[in-house]
């Protein structure tokens, strides 16, 4: 596996039609279509997008997406509602709110590189390859 990461940050990945609580905030640029969904960002670039005015998305779903010789690419699907109030953060039981890791990295039955070889990170998206 590469030892460097890049991120696809998908902002405003939630339904935000319900009324906002006073501690919730939508940024005005959420009405503008996001054209850089699959432009890989560094951690510093992601930080600028998801830490805004001291607020963060209420939830961020993390999914391994692909890898090449240089990078592991990780998809970050972010809630459109931002807050600076911890009581609005999701995934408190997972110890790293607002983050939640989706999918398993290795396919079902995978033992090791030596025994099973490399695998495609998209395997979790194709249920016929999962056991």
C-alpha atoms as a PDB file:
ATOM      1  CA  UNK A   1       0.000   0.000   0.000  1.00  0.00           C
ATOM      2  CA  UNK A   2       1.205   3.515  -0.701  1.00  0.00           C
ATOM      3  CA  UNK A   3       2.215   5.508   2.350  1.00  0.00           C
ATOM      4  CA  UNK A   4       0.655   8.751   1.107  1.00  0.00           C
ATOM      5  CA  UNK A   5      -3.034   9.640   0.993  1.00  0.00           C
ATOM      6  CA  UNK A   6      -5.192  11.823  -1.210  1.00  0.00           C
ATOM      7  CA  UNK A   7      -8.837  12.625  -0.610  1.00  0.00           C
ATOM      8  CA  UNK A   8     -11.970  13.128  -2.665  1.00  0.00           C
ATOM      9  CA  UNK A   9     -14.041  15.541  -0.561  1.00  0.00           C
ATOM     10  CA  UNK A  10     -17.724  15.458  -1.423  1.00  0.00           C
ATOM     11  CA  UNK A  11     -19.270  18.419   0.339  1.00  0.00           C
ATOM     12  CA  UNK A  12     -22.964  18.792   1.103  1.00  0.00           C
ATOM     13  CA  UNK A  13     -23.712  15.086   0.678  1.00  0.00           C
ATOM     14  CA  UNK A  14     -26.878  15.229   2.787  1.00  0.00           C
ATOM     15  CA  UNK A  15     -30.495  16.293   2.492  1.00  0.00           C
ATOM     16  CA  UNK A  16     -30.644  19.700   4.122  1.00  0.00           C
ATOM     17  CA  UNK A  17     -34.259  20.668   3.486  1.00  0.00           C
ATOM     18  CA  UNK A  18     -35.311  20.392   7.134  1.00  0.00           C
ATOM     19  CA  UNK A  19     -35.215  23.530   9.277  1.00  0.00           C
ATOM     20  CA  UNK A  20     -31.830  24.317  10.799  1.00  0.00           C
ATOM     21  CA  UNK A  21     -31.280  24.392  14.521  1.00  0.00           C
ATOM     22  CA  UNK A  22     -29.572  27.550  15.849  1.00  0.00           C
ATOM     23  CA  UNK A  23     -26.303  25.574  16.180  1.00  0.00           C
ATOM     24  CA  UNK A  24     -26.382  24.389  12.551  1.00  0.00           C
ATOM     25  CA  UNK A  25     -25.065  26.305   9.564  1.00  0.00           C
ATOM     26  CA  UNK A  26     -25.176  25.949   5.773  1.00  0.00           C
ATOM     27  CA  UNK A  27     -22.544  27.806   3.792  1.00  0.00           C
ATOM     28  CA  UNK A  28     -23.851  29.917   0.870  1.00  0.00           C
ATOM     29  CA  UNK A  29     -21.642  28.109  -1.664  1.00  0.00           C
ATOM     30  CA  UNK A  30     -23.583  24.866  -1.071  1.00  0.00           C
ATOM     31  CA  UNK A  31     -26.040  25.982  -3.735  1.00  0.00           C
ATOM     32  CA  UNK A  32     -23.223  25.944  -6.308  1.00  0.00           C
ATOM     33  CA  UNK A  33     -22.595  22.541  -7.948  1.00  0.00           C
ATOM     34  CA  UNK A  34     -19.297  21.036  -6.801  1.00  0.00           C
ATOM     35  CA  UNK A  35     -17.092  20.546  -9.843  1.00  0.00           C
ATOM     36  CA  UNK A  36     -14.036  19.118  -8.043  1.00  0.00           C
ATOM     37  CA  UNK A  37     -15.640  16.038  -6.484  1.00  0.00           C
ATOM     38  CA  UNK A  38     -13.015  13.690  -7.895  1.00  0.00           C
ATOM     39  CA  UNK A  39     -10.025  16.015  -7.849  1.00  0.00           C
ATOM     40  CA  UNK A  40      -7.621  14.529  -5.297  1.00  0.00           C
ATOM     41  CA  UNK A  41      -6.831  16.835  -2.374  1.00  0.00           C
ATOM     42  CA  UNK A  42      -4.019  16.768   0.145  1.00  0.00           C
ATOM     43  CA  UNK A  43      -4.928  16.654   3.818  1.00  0.00           C
ATOM     44  CA  UNK A  44      -4.186  20.387   4.056  1.00  0.00           C
ATOM     45  CA  UNK A  45      -6.575  21.134   1.185  1.00  0.00           C
ATOM     46  CA  UNK A  46      -9.298  18.970   2.722  1.00  0.00           C
ATOM     47  CA  UNK A  47      -8.816  20.741   6.029  1.00  0.00           C
ATOM     48  CA  UNK A  48      -9.572  24.092   4.355  1.00  0.00           C
ATOM     49  CA  UNK A  49     -12.804  22.662   2.896  1.00  0.00           C
ATOM     50  CA  UNK A  50     -14.217  20.907   5.948  1.00  0.00           C
ATOM     51  CA  UNK A  51     -13.006  23.197   8.771  1.00  0.00           C
ATOM     52  CA  UNK A  52     -14.793  26.431   7.995  1.00  0.00           C
ATOM     53  CA  UNK A  53     -15.145  29.358  10.385  1.00  0.00           C
ATOM     54  CA  UNK A  54     -14.553  26.995  13.320  1.00  0.00           C
ATOM     55  CA  UNK A  55     -17.318  24.652  12.170  1.00  0.00           C
ATOM     56  CA  UNK A  56     -17.172  21.102  10.771  1.00  0.00           C
ATOM     57  CA  UNK A  57     -19.695  18.835   9.015  1.00  0.00           C
ATOM     58  CA  UNK A  58     -21.990  16.984  11.431  1.00  0.00           C
ATOM     59  CA  UNK A  59     -20.884  13.694   9.866  1.00  0.00           C
ATOM     60  CA  UNK A  60     -18.119  12.590   7.485  1.00  0.00           C
ATOM     61  CA  UNK A  61     -18.255   9.113   5.944  1.00  0.00           C
ATOM     62  CA  UNK A  62     -14.829   7.717   5.028  1.00  0.00           C
ATOM     63  CA  UNK A  63     -14.541   5.082   2.301  1.00  0.00           C
ATOM     64  CA  UNK A  64     -11.365   3.735   0.671  1.00  0.00           C
ATOM     65  CA  UNK A  65     -11.743   4.398  -3.030  1.00  0.00           C
ATOM     66  CA  UNK A  66      -8.668   3.290  -4.971  1.00  0.00           C
ATOM     67  CA  UNK A  67      -4.896   3.029  -4.812  1.00  0.00           C
ATOM     68  CA  UNK A  68      -2.075   3.439  -7.253  1.00  0.00           C
ATOM     69  CA  UNK A  69       1.699   3.247  -6.841  1.00  0.00           C
ATOM     70  CA  UNK A  70       1.807   6.660  -5.166  1.00  0.00           C
ATOM     71  CA  UNK A  71      -1.401   7.195  -3.187  1.00  0.00           C
ATOM     72  CA  UNK A  72      -4.320   5.635  -1.372  1.00  0.00           C
ATOM     73  CA  UNK A  73      -7.372   7.655  -2.400  1.00  0.00           C
ATOM     74  CA  UNK A  74     -10.087   8.046   0.200  1.00  0.00           C
ATOM     75  CA  UNK A  75     -13.607   9.365  -0.386  1.00  0.00           C
ATOM     76  CA  UNK A  76     -14.947  11.756   2.262  1.00  0.00           C
ATOM     77  CA  UNK A  77     -18.705  12.170   1.969  1.00  0.00           C
ATOM     78  CA  UNK A  78     -19.584  15.158   4.161  1.00  0.00           C
ATOM     79  CA  UNK A  79     -22.828  16.352   5.683  1.00  0.00           C
ATOM     80  CA  UNK A  80     -23.911  19.745   4.374  1.00  0.00           C
ATOM     81  CA  UNK A  81     -24.777  20.973   7.841  1.00  0.00           C
ATOM     82  CA  UNK A  82     -21.845  22.413   9.753  1.00  0.00           C
ATOM     83  CA  UNK A  83     -21.671  23.015  13.484  1.00  0.00           C
ATOM     84  CA  UNK A  84     -19.318  23.993  16.281  1.00  0.00           C
ATOM     85  CA  UNK A  85     -21.522  22.255  18.854  1.00  0.00           C
ATOM     86  CA  UNK A  86     -20.315  18.717  19.662  1.00  0.00           C
ATOM     87  CA  UNK A  87     -23.839  17.625  20.591  1.00  0.00           C
ATOM     88  CA  UNK A  88     -24.763  17.789  16.881  1.00  0.00           C
ATOM     89  CA  UNK A  89     -21.929  15.526  15.745  1.00  0.00           C
ATOM     90  CA  UNK A  90     -22.771  12.027  14.563  1.00  0.00           C
ATOM     91  CA  UNK A  91     -20.778   8.864  15.313  1.00  0.00           C
ATOM     92  CA  UNK A  92     -19.990   9.731  18.939  1.00  0.00           C
ATOM     93  CA  UNK A  93     -19.907   6.007  19.824  1.00  0.00           C
ATOM     94  CA  UNK A  94     -17.084   5.432  17.332  1.00  0.00           C
ATOM     95  CA  UNK A  95     -14.669   7.670  19.292  1.00  0.00           C
ATOM     96  CA  UNK A  96     -13.764   9.941  16.376  1.00  0.00           C
ATOM     97  CA  UNK A  97     -16.814  12.100  15.722  1.00  0.00           C
ATOM     98  CA  UNK A  98     -17.882  13.149  13.153  1.00  0.00           C
ATOM     99  CA  UNK A  99     -16.023  10.391  11.253  1.00  0.00           C
ATOM    100  CA  UNK A 100     -17.439   7.001  10.279  1.00  0.00           C
ATOM    101  CA  UNK A 101     -15.473   4.458   8.253  1.00  0.00           C
ATOM    102  CA  UNK A 102     -17.548   2.665   5.624  1.00  0.00           C
ATOM    103  CA  UNK A 103     -16.785  -0.594   3.927  1.00  0.00           C
ATOM    104  CA  UNK A 104     -14.052  -2.989   4.699  1.00  0.00           C
ATOM    105  CA  UNK A 105     -10.752  -2.524   2.995  1.00  0.00           C
ATOM    106  CA  UNK A 106     -10.121  -6.198   2.231  1.00  0.00           C
ATOM    107  CA  UNK A 107     -12.684  -8.483   0.587  1.00  0.00           C
ATOM    108  CA  UNK A 108     -14.265 -11.250   2.648  1.00  0.00           C
ATOM    109  CA  UNK A 109     -11.928 -14.194   3.144  1.00  0.00           C
ATOM    110  CA  UNK A 110      -8.791 -12.177   2.434  1.00  0.00           C
ATOM    111  CA  UNK A 111      -5.862 -13.384   4.559  1.00  0.00           C
ATOM    112  CA  UNK A 112      -2.698 -11.580   3.486  1.00  0.00           C
ATOM    113  CA  UNK A 113      -0.707 -10.259   0.541  1.00  0.00           C
ATOM    114  CA  UNK A 114       1.478 -13.368   0.581  1.00  0.00           C
ATOM    115  CA  UNK A 115      -1.455 -15.792   0.557  1.00  0.00           C
ATOM    116  CA  UNK A 116      -4.030 -13.963  -1.542  1.00  0.00           C
ATOM    117  CA  UNK A 117      -2.126 -11.285  -3.480  1.00  0.00           C
ATOM    118  CA  UNK A 118      -3.351  -7.790  -4.225  1.00  0.00           C
ATOM    119  CA  UNK A 119      -7.024  -6.895  -4.393  1.00  0.00           C
ATOM    120  CA  UNK A 120      -9.042  -4.107  -5.990  1.00  0.00           C
ATOM    121  CA  UNK A 121     -10.238  -1.498  -3.476  1.00  0.00           C
ATOM    122  CA  UNK A 122     -13.517  -1.315  -5.401  1.00  0.00           C
ATOM    123  CA  UNK A 123     -14.346  -4.881  -4.272  1.00  0.00           C
ATOM    124  CA  UNK A 124     -16.579  -3.603  -1.467  1.00  0.00           C
ATOM    125  CA  UNK A 125     -18.758  -1.781  -3.998  1.00  0.00           C
ATOM    126  CA  UNK A 126     -19.503  -5.003  -5.899  1.00  0.00           C
ATOM    127  CA  UNK A 127     -21.530  -7.234  -3.566  1.00  0.00           C
ATOM    128  CA  UNK A 128     -20.930 -10.268  -5.793  1.00  0.00           C
ATOM    129  CA  UNK A 129     -17.239 -10.152  -4.743  1.00  0.00           C
ATOM    130  CA  UNK A 130     -17.997  -9.954  -1.016  1.00  0.00           C
ATOM    131  CA  UNK A 131     -18.570 -12.975   1.164  1.00  0.00           C
END
